[in-house]
Amino acid sequence: MTATPAHAPVSAARKGAGPQRSATRRGLALGPWGTFLLRRLAGLVAVASTLVVVTFLIVQLIPGDPARVLAGVDASPEDIERLRGQLGLDQTLSTRFADYAGGLFHGDLGLSFQTREPVADIIATQLPFTAELALLAIVVVLLVAVPLGLAIAVRGSRRTDSAFTFTTSLVGATPEYVIGTLLVFVFAVTLGAFPAAGAETLTSLVLPVAAIALPGSCIMARIVRREAASVLAQDYMRTARGHRLPPLTLYTRHALPNLLTATLTLGGLILVSLLGGTVIVESIFAWPGMGQRVVEAILARDYPVIQGCVLVLGLLAALLNLVVDVVLGLLDPRALAGKDGR
């Protein structure tokens, strides 16, 4: 009778330790990178599932009837109702969602209400233009923000630091469409140095990329400057200075890796937000990308095009975030561990 209470906690502890030991064994079997990638891929699946639901429901909030817009102002109620049936708008919301999700499962994004061409073909035609702007803007942000923030942290005086903080705060808080409009007025209309719209020449890239990259560069440079000041104050940097290492070796080999680890953790959100800026800027510069097509689809209530474009842009943002996490894992293996340290 007395043995039962004494052995009960041991039994309970063994039961509680079983799942934890199994999870630990699974983590060891997969390895750090296997566990990391499995966790990130599970998150990517969750994001994709959420995007499917959101992209379907968001078009229902757009006021207006697509059939009425397509039929025109002179169409009779019978014509509008017949068009609604052809577009599948007379079905229940649950049936339409099932058709939408089923089509996505088979790689079918549907047909445009306006042109009746496959949405996948529309995206395949215009996605390269959007990707070109976004990738160039990301490269510009990294090439400008990291050296600038590090230089201000290393060599900046109090006056320089104040001017840097004021300028980056002002530009970083300015919306992309305002910067784009100012760039068009100054460099296209007034000076005539670059084209105001279109994508015919390489010079057409300059103003759109600048409009997208300027706010992100300023915000990222402030993050780099703050993190660089923190890294430069560490004991190991004082020791490295005491060994009289060359400045290039001191800052690139000892400061930059730790600086980038901390910077990319926050900077990944900025890089992802550049996709949203790209969509807005495309409308200003008449850039033939997905952003301009989304605006046209919203005005025309073209549900399949809106859903397809938003879904693809959301997945690209999630993939970019995954790439940032992988880069962080390469720079600092400690980033492979989850929040619980496993």
Protein backbone atom coordinates (compact mmCIF):
# COMPACT_ATOMS: atom_id res chain seq x y z
CA MET A 1 0.00 0.00 0.00
CA THR A 2 2.82 2.38 0.77
CA ALA A 3 4.66 1.63 -2.47
CA THR A 4 1.95 2.96 -4.72
CA PRO A 5 2.36 6.69 -3.90
CA ALA A 6 6.14 6.41 -4.05
CA HIS A 7 6.14 4.86 -7.53
CA ALA A 8 3.36 7.04 -8.99
CA PRO A 9 5.48 10.18 -9.64
CA VAL A 10 8.19 8.06 -11.28
CA SER A 11 5.64 6.51 -13.61
CA ALA A 12 4.18 9.91 -14.43
CA ALA A 13 7.62 11.33 -15.06
CA ARG A 14 8.41 8.48 -17.40
CA LYS A 15 5.19 9.05 -19.29
CA GLY A 16 5.92 12.76 -19.57
CA ALA A 17 9.49 12.17 -20.63
CA GLY A 18 8.53 9.73 -23.38
CA PRO A 19 7.23 12.21 -25.99
CA GLN A 20 10.01 14.67 -25.20
CA ARG A 21 12.66 11.96 -25.62
CA SER A 22 11.05 10.85 -28.88
CA ALA A 23 10.98 14.42 -30.20
CA THR A 24 14.63 14.82 -29.24
CA ARG A 25 15.54 11.59 -31.06
CA ARG A 26 13.65 12.75 -34.15
CA GLY A 27 15.47 16.08 -34.06
CA LEU A 28 18.82 14.33 -33.78
CA ALA A 29 17.92 11.99 -36.63
CA LEU A 30 17.01 14.85 -38.94
CA GLY A 31 19.93 17.03 -37.91
CA PRO A 32 19.84 20.81 -37.36
CA TRP A 33 19.24 21.65 -41.03
CA GLY A 34 16.63 18.92 -41.46
CA THR A 35 14.67 20.10 -38.42
CA PHE A 36 15.02 23.73 -39.51
CA LEU A 37 13.82 23.10 -43.06
CA LEU A 38 10.98 20.86 -41.88
CA ARG A 39 9.80 23.58 -39.51
CA ARG A 40 10.05 26.27 -42.18
CA LEU A 41 8.29 24.16 -44.81
CA ALA A 42 5.46 23.47 -42.38
CA GLY A 43 5.15 27.22 -41.87
CA LEU A 44 5.18 27.74 -45.63
CA VAL A 45 2.31 25.28 -46.05
CA ALA A 46 0.34 27.10 -43.35
CA VAL A 47 0.97 30.45 -45.07
CA ALA A 48 -0.07 29.05 -48.45
CA SER A 49 -3.29 27.62 -46.99
CA THR A 50 -4.12 30.95 -45.38
CA LEU A 51 -3.41 32.78 -48.64
CA VAL A 52 -5.80 30.50 -50.52
CA VAL A 53 -8.63 31.37 -48.12
CA VAL A 54 -7.79 35.08 -47.97
CA THR A 55 -7.42 35.54 -51.74
CA PHE A 56 -10.83 33.95 -52.26
CA LEU A 57 -12.64 35.92 -49.56
CA ILE A 58 -11.00 39.27 -50.29
CA VAL A 59 -12.58 39.61 -53.72
CA GLN A 60 -16.01 39.20 -52.16
CA LEU A 61 -15.44 42.52 -50.36
CA ILE A 62 -15.00 44.44 -53.62
CA PRO A 63 -18.22 46.37 -54.25
CA GLY A 64 -19.99 45.83 -57.54
CA ASP A 65 -21.14 42.91 -59.67
CA PRO A 66 -18.56 41.59 -62.20
CA ALA A 67 -21.35 40.44 -64.52
CA ARG A 68 -22.93 43.89 -64.56
CA VAL A 69 -19.55 45.52 -65.26
CA LEU A 70 -18.81 43.12 -68.14
CA ALA A 71 -22.30 43.29 -69.62
CA GLY A 72 -22.31 47.09 -69.80
CA VAL A 73 -24.84 49.71 -68.81
CA ASP A 74 -27.30 48.81 -71.60
CA ALA A 75 -27.55 45.11 -70.68
CA SER A 76 -30.92 43.71 -69.64
CA PRO A 77 -31.39 41.86 -66.32
CA GLU A 78 -31.72 38.62 -68.29
CA ASP A 79 -28.37 39.18 -70.00
CA ILE A 80 -26.70 39.95 -66.68
CA GLU A 81 -28.16 36.85 -65.06
CA ARG A 82 -27.08 34.68 -68.00
CA LEU A 83 -23.55 36.11 -67.76
CA ARG A 84 -23.50 35.41 -64.04
CA GLY A 85 -24.24 31.77 -64.81
CA GLN A 86 -21.46 31.61 -67.39
CA LEU A 87 -18.99 33.04 -64.88
CA GLY A 88 -20.17 30.74 -62.09
CA LEU A 89 -21.28 33.66 -59.91
CA ASP A 90 -24.74 32.17 -59.41
CA GLN A 91 -23.33 29.34 -57.30
CA THR A 92 -23.08 29.37 -53.52
CA LEU A 93 -19.97 30.74 -51.84
CA SER A 94 -18.93 27.30 -50.58
CA THR A 95 -19.27 25.75 -54.05
CA ARG A 96 -17.20 28.51 -55.63
CA PHE A 97 -14.49 28.10 -52.97
CA ALA A 98 -14.40 24.33 -53.54
CA ASP A 99 -13.97 24.91 -57.28
CA TYR A 100 -11.28 27.52 -56.63
CA ALA A 101 -9.31 25.33 -54.20
CA GLY A 102 -9.71 22.28 -56.44
CA GLY A 103 -8.40 24.19 -59.42
CA LEU A 104 -5.38 25.38 -57.42
CA PHE A 105 -4.69 21.79 -56.37
CA HIS A 106 -4.41 20.88 -60.06
CA GLY A 107 -2.41 24.00 -60.95
CA ASP A 108 -5.36 25.86 -62.51
CA LEU A 109 -5.75 29.51 -61.51
CA GLY A 110 -8.90 29.95 -63.57
CA LEU A 111 -9.82 32.14 -66.53
CA SER A 112 -9.97 35.91 -66.66
CA PHE A 113 -13.53 37.27 -66.64
CA GLN A 114 -12.57 39.93 -69.19
CA THR A 115 -10.34 38.20 -71.73
CA ARG A 116 -11.10 34.52 -70.95
CA GLU A 117 -7.38 33.76 -71.10
CA PRO A 118 -5.82 31.56 -68.39
CA VAL A 119 -4.70 33.52 -65.35
CA ALA A 120 -1.54 31.40 -65.24
CA ASP A 121 -0.57 32.70 -68.69
CA ILE A 122 -1.21 36.30 -67.63
CA ILE A 123 1.00 35.87 -64.57
CA ALA A 124 3.71 34.09 -66.56
CA THR A 125 3.79 37.05 -68.97
CA GLN A 126 3.90 39.82 -66.39
CA LEU A 127 5.65 38.25 -63.39
CA PRO A 128 9.15 38.63 -64.94
CA PHE A 129 8.68 42.43 -65.06
CA THR A 130 7.65 42.55 -61.40
CA ALA A 131 10.44 40.17 -60.37
CA GLU A 132 12.97 42.31 -62.26
CA LEU A 133 12.00 45.44 -60.35
CA ALA A 134 11.80 43.69 -56.97
CA LEU A 135 15.12 41.86 -57.27
CA LEU A 136 16.98 44.94 -58.47
CA ALA A 137 15.48 46.96 -55.62
CA ILE A 138 16.59 44.32 -53.08
CA VAL A 139 20.13 44.36 -54.49
CA VAL A 140 20.24 48.17 -54.35
CA VAL A 141 18.96 48.19 -50.76
CA LEU A 142 21.64 45.75 -49.62
CA LEU A 143 24.46 47.43 -51.56
CA VAL A 144 23.54 50.90 -50.25
CA ALA A 145 22.25 50.26 -46.73
CA VAL A 146 24.95 47.94 -45.37
CA PRO A 147 28.04 50.02 -46.35
CA LEU A 148 26.30 53.30 -45.46
CA GLY A 149 25.13 52.17 -42.03
CA LEU A 150 28.52 50.63 -41.23
CA ALA A 151 30.39 53.75 -42.39
CA ILE A 152 28.25 56.03 -40.22
CA ALA A 153 28.78 53.77 -37.21
CA VAL A 154 32.56 53.65 -37.74
CA ARG A 155 33.46 57.14 -38.93
CA GLY A 156 30.41 59.32 -38.36
CA SER A 157 30.69 62.37 -36.14
CA ARG A 158 27.84 63.63 -34.01
CA ARG A 159 26.80 66.11 -36.69
CA THR A 160 26.99 63.48 -39.43
CA ASP A 161 25.01 61.04 -37.30
CA SER A 162 22.29 63.64 -36.69
CA ALA A 163 22.04 64.46 -40.40
CA PHE A 164 21.94 60.74 -41.20
CA THR A 165 19.16 60.08 -38.68
CA PHE A 166 17.06 63.02 -39.91
CA THR A 167 17.45 62.19 -43.61
CA THR A 168 16.80 58.47 -43.28
CA SER A 169 13.79 59.07 -41.03
CA LEU A 170 12.28 61.50 -43.52
CA VAL A 171 12.87 59.41 -46.64
CA GLY A 172 12.05 56.13 -44.92
CA ALA A 173 8.65 57.45 -43.83
CA THR A 174 7.75 58.75 -47.30
CA PRO A 175 5.46 56.42 -49.30
CA GLU A 176 6.82 54.92 -52.51
CA TYR A 177 4.18 56.58 -54.68
CA VAL A 178 5.17 60.03 -53.39
CA ILE A 179 8.86 59.37 -54.05
CA GLY A 180 8.00 57.97 -57.48
CA THR A 181 5.98 61.07 -58.36
CA LEU A 182 8.82 63.37 -57.25
CA LEU A 183 11.36 61.37 -59.24
CA VAL A 184 9.22 61.60 -62.36
CA PHE A 185 8.80 65.35 -61.96
CA VAL A 186 12.50 66.05 -61.36
CA PHE A 187 14.34 63.52 -63.53
CA ALA A 188 11.82 62.81 -66.30
CA VAL A 189 9.75 65.97 -66.76
CA THR A 190 12.19 68.70 -65.66
CA LEU A 191 15.59 67.26 -66.56
CA GLY A 192 14.53 64.70 -69.17
CA ALA A 193 17.26 62.35 -68.00
CA PHE A 194 15.15 59.18 -67.77
CA PRO A 195 11.89 57.92 -69.27
CA ALA A 196 8.77 58.66 -67.24
CA ALA A 197 7.02 55.39 -68.08
CA GLY A 198 7.31 52.14 -69.99
CA ALA A 199 9.87 49.36 -70.09
CA GLU A 200 11.45 49.77 -73.52
CA THR A 201 15.05 50.50 -72.46
CA LEU A 202 17.34 49.75 -69.54
CA THR A 203 17.14 53.38 -68.46
CA SER A 204 13.43 52.81 -67.82
CA LEU A 205 14.46 50.76 -64.79
CA VAL A 206 16.26 53.57 -63.01
CA LEU A 207 13.36 55.62 -61.64
CA PRO A 208 11.09 52.70 -60.62
CA VAL A 209 13.93 50.89 -58.85
CA ALA A 210 14.96 54.11 -57.11
CA ALA A 211 11.39 54.77 -55.96
CA ILE A 212 11.17 51.28 -54.47
CA ALA A 213 14.66 51.11 -53.00
CA LEU A 214 15.02 54.55 -51.41
CA PRO A 215 12.67 54.08 -48.41
CA GLY A 216 13.89 50.54 -47.80
CA SER A 217 17.54 51.61 -48.01
CA CYS A 218 17.02 54.34 -45.44
CA ILE A 219 15.23 52.06 -42.98
CA MET A 220 17.76 49.27 -43.45
CA ALA A 221 20.70 51.69 -43.09
CA ARG A 222 19.35 52.83 -39.72
CA ILE A 223 19.12 49.22 -38.57
CA VAL A 224 22.67 48.54 -39.79
CA ARG A 225 23.99 51.65 -38.06
CA ARG A 226 22.39 50.68 -34.74
CA GLU A 227 23.53 47.05 -34.91
CA ALA A 228 27.03 48.08 -36.04
CA ALA A 229 27.39 50.39 -33.04
CA SER A 230 26.39 47.49 -30.78
CA VAL A 231 28.84 45.07 -32.45
CA LEU A 232 31.73 47.55 -32.39
CA ALA A 233 31.28 47.95 -28.63
CA GLN A 234 31.76 44.23 -27.96
CA ASP A 235 34.86 42.95 -26.14
CA TYR A 236 36.07 40.82 -29.05
CA MET A 237 36.16 43.92 -31.27
CA ARG A 238 38.28 45.74 -28.69
CA THR A 239 40.61 42.75 -28.65
CA ALA A 240 40.81 42.76 -32.45
CA ARG A 241 41.66 46.46 -32.42
CA GLY A 242 44.35 45.75 -29.84
CA HIS A 243 46.02 43.40 -32.30
CA ARG A 244 46.19 46.30 -34.77
CA LEU A 245 44.43 44.43 -37.55
CA PRO A 246 43.96 46.26 -40.87
CA PRO A 247 40.61 48.11 -40.99
CA LEU A 248 39.37 46.02 -43.92
CA THR A 249 40.04 42.77 -42.04
CA LEU A 250 38.69 44.18 -38.78
CA TYR A 251 35.33 45.24 -40.18
CA THR A 252 34.72 42.66 -42.91
CA ARG A 253 35.91 39.53 -41.10
CA HIS A 254 35.01 40.29 -37.49
CA ALA A 255 32.21 42.87 -37.51
CA LEU A 256 30.28 42.23 -40.72
CA PRO A 257 29.17 38.59 -40.11
CA ASN A 258 27.70 39.39 -36.68
CA LEU A 259 26.26 42.61 -38.03
CA LEU A 260 24.50 40.88 -40.92
CA THR A 261 23.02 38.22 -38.65
CA ALA A 262 21.29 40.80 -36.50
CA THR A 263 20.42 43.03 -39.46
CA LEU A 264 18.80 40.36 -41.64
CA THR A 265 16.60 39.25 -38.76
CA LEU A 266 14.79 42.60 -38.94
CA GLY A 267 15.73 43.43 -42.51
CA GLY A 268 13.93 40.38 -43.87
CA LEU A 269 10.63 42.12 -43.13
CA ILE A 270 11.82 45.18 -45.05
CA LEU A 271 12.89 43.09 -48.05
CA VAL A 272 9.50 41.37 -48.12
CA SER A 273 7.73 44.73 -47.97
CA LEU A 274 9.55 45.75 -51.17
CA LEU A 275 7.17 43.49 -53.08
CA GLY A 276 4.26 45.61 -51.91
CA GLY A 277 6.13 48.75 -52.93
CA THR A 278 6.76 47.24 -56.35
CA VAL A 279 3.03 46.73 -56.94
CA ILE A 280 2.34 50.39 -56.11
CA VAL A 281 5.24 51.84 -58.12
CA GLU A 282 4.31 49.89 -61.24
CA SER A 283 1.09 51.87 -61.56
CA ILE A 284 2.97 55.18 -61.40
CA PHE A 285 5.50 54.29 -64.09
CA ALA A 286 3.10 52.26 -66.29
CA TRP A 287 5.38 49.29 -65.78
CA PRO A 288 3.89 46.17 -67.45
CA GLY A 289 4.03 44.00 -64.35
CA MET A 290 1.56 42.32 -62.05
CA GLY A 291 0.90 45.44 -60.01
CA GLN A 292 -0.63 47.34 -62.90
CA ARG A 293 -2.65 44.27 -63.88
CA VAL A 294 -4.01 43.93 -60.34
CA VAL A 295 -5.21 47.55 -60.39
CA GLU A 296 -6.92 47.00 -63.74
CA ALA A 297 -8.50 43.76 -62.48
CA ILE A 298 -9.86 45.47 -59.37
CA LEU A 299 -11.49 48.19 -61.46
CA ALA A 300 -13.02 45.55 -63.75
CA ARG A 301 -14.01 43.18 -60.87
CA ASP A 302 -11.96 40.44 -62.56
CA TYR A 303 -11.94 38.04 -59.61
CA PRO A 304 -9.69 35.25 -61.01
CA VAL A 305 -6.93 37.69 -61.99
CA ILE A 306 -7.03 39.39 -58.59
CA GLN A 307 -6.94 36.07 -56.77
CA GLY A 308 -4.12 34.66 -58.89
CA CYS A 309 -1.89 37.74 -58.70
CA VAL A 310 -2.33 38.26 -54.95
CA LEU A 311 -1.75 34.55 -54.29
CA VAL A 312 1.47 34.48 -56.34
CA LEU A 313 2.78 37.70 -54.75
CA GLY A 314 2.02 36.33 -51.29
CA LEU A 315 3.84 33.08 -52.04
CA LEU A 316 6.82 35.03 -53.37
CA ALA A 317 6.94 37.03 -50.13
CA ALA A 318 6.84 33.81 -48.11
CA LEU A 319 9.62 32.28 -50.23
CA LEU A 320 11.74 35.41 -49.83
CA ASN A 321 11.29 35.16 -46.08
CA LEU A 322 12.40 31.51 -46.28
CA VAL A 323 15.51 32.51 -48.24
CA VAL A 324 16.37 35.10 -45.56
CA ASP A 325 16.02 32.42 -42.87
CA VAL A 326 18.32 30.08 -44.82
CA VAL A 327 20.92 32.84 -45.21
CA LEU A 328 20.71 33.50 -41.46
CA GLY A 329 21.25 29.79 -40.84
CA LEU A 330 24.36 29.84 -43.03
CA LEU A 331 25.76 32.92 -41.30
CA ASP A 332 24.92 31.81 -37.78
CA PRO A 333 24.10 28.12 -37.11
CA ARG A 334 22.47 29.15 -33.84
CA ALA A 335 19.60 30.55 -35.92
CA LEU A 336 18.71 26.99 -36.91
CA ALA A 337 17.29 26.37 -33.44
CA GLY A 338 13.67 27.23 -32.78
CA LYS A 339 12.39 29.52 -30.09
CA ASP A 340 12.49 26.64 -27.64
CA GLY A 341 16.19 26.10 -28.36
CA ARG A 342 15.79 22.70 -30.06
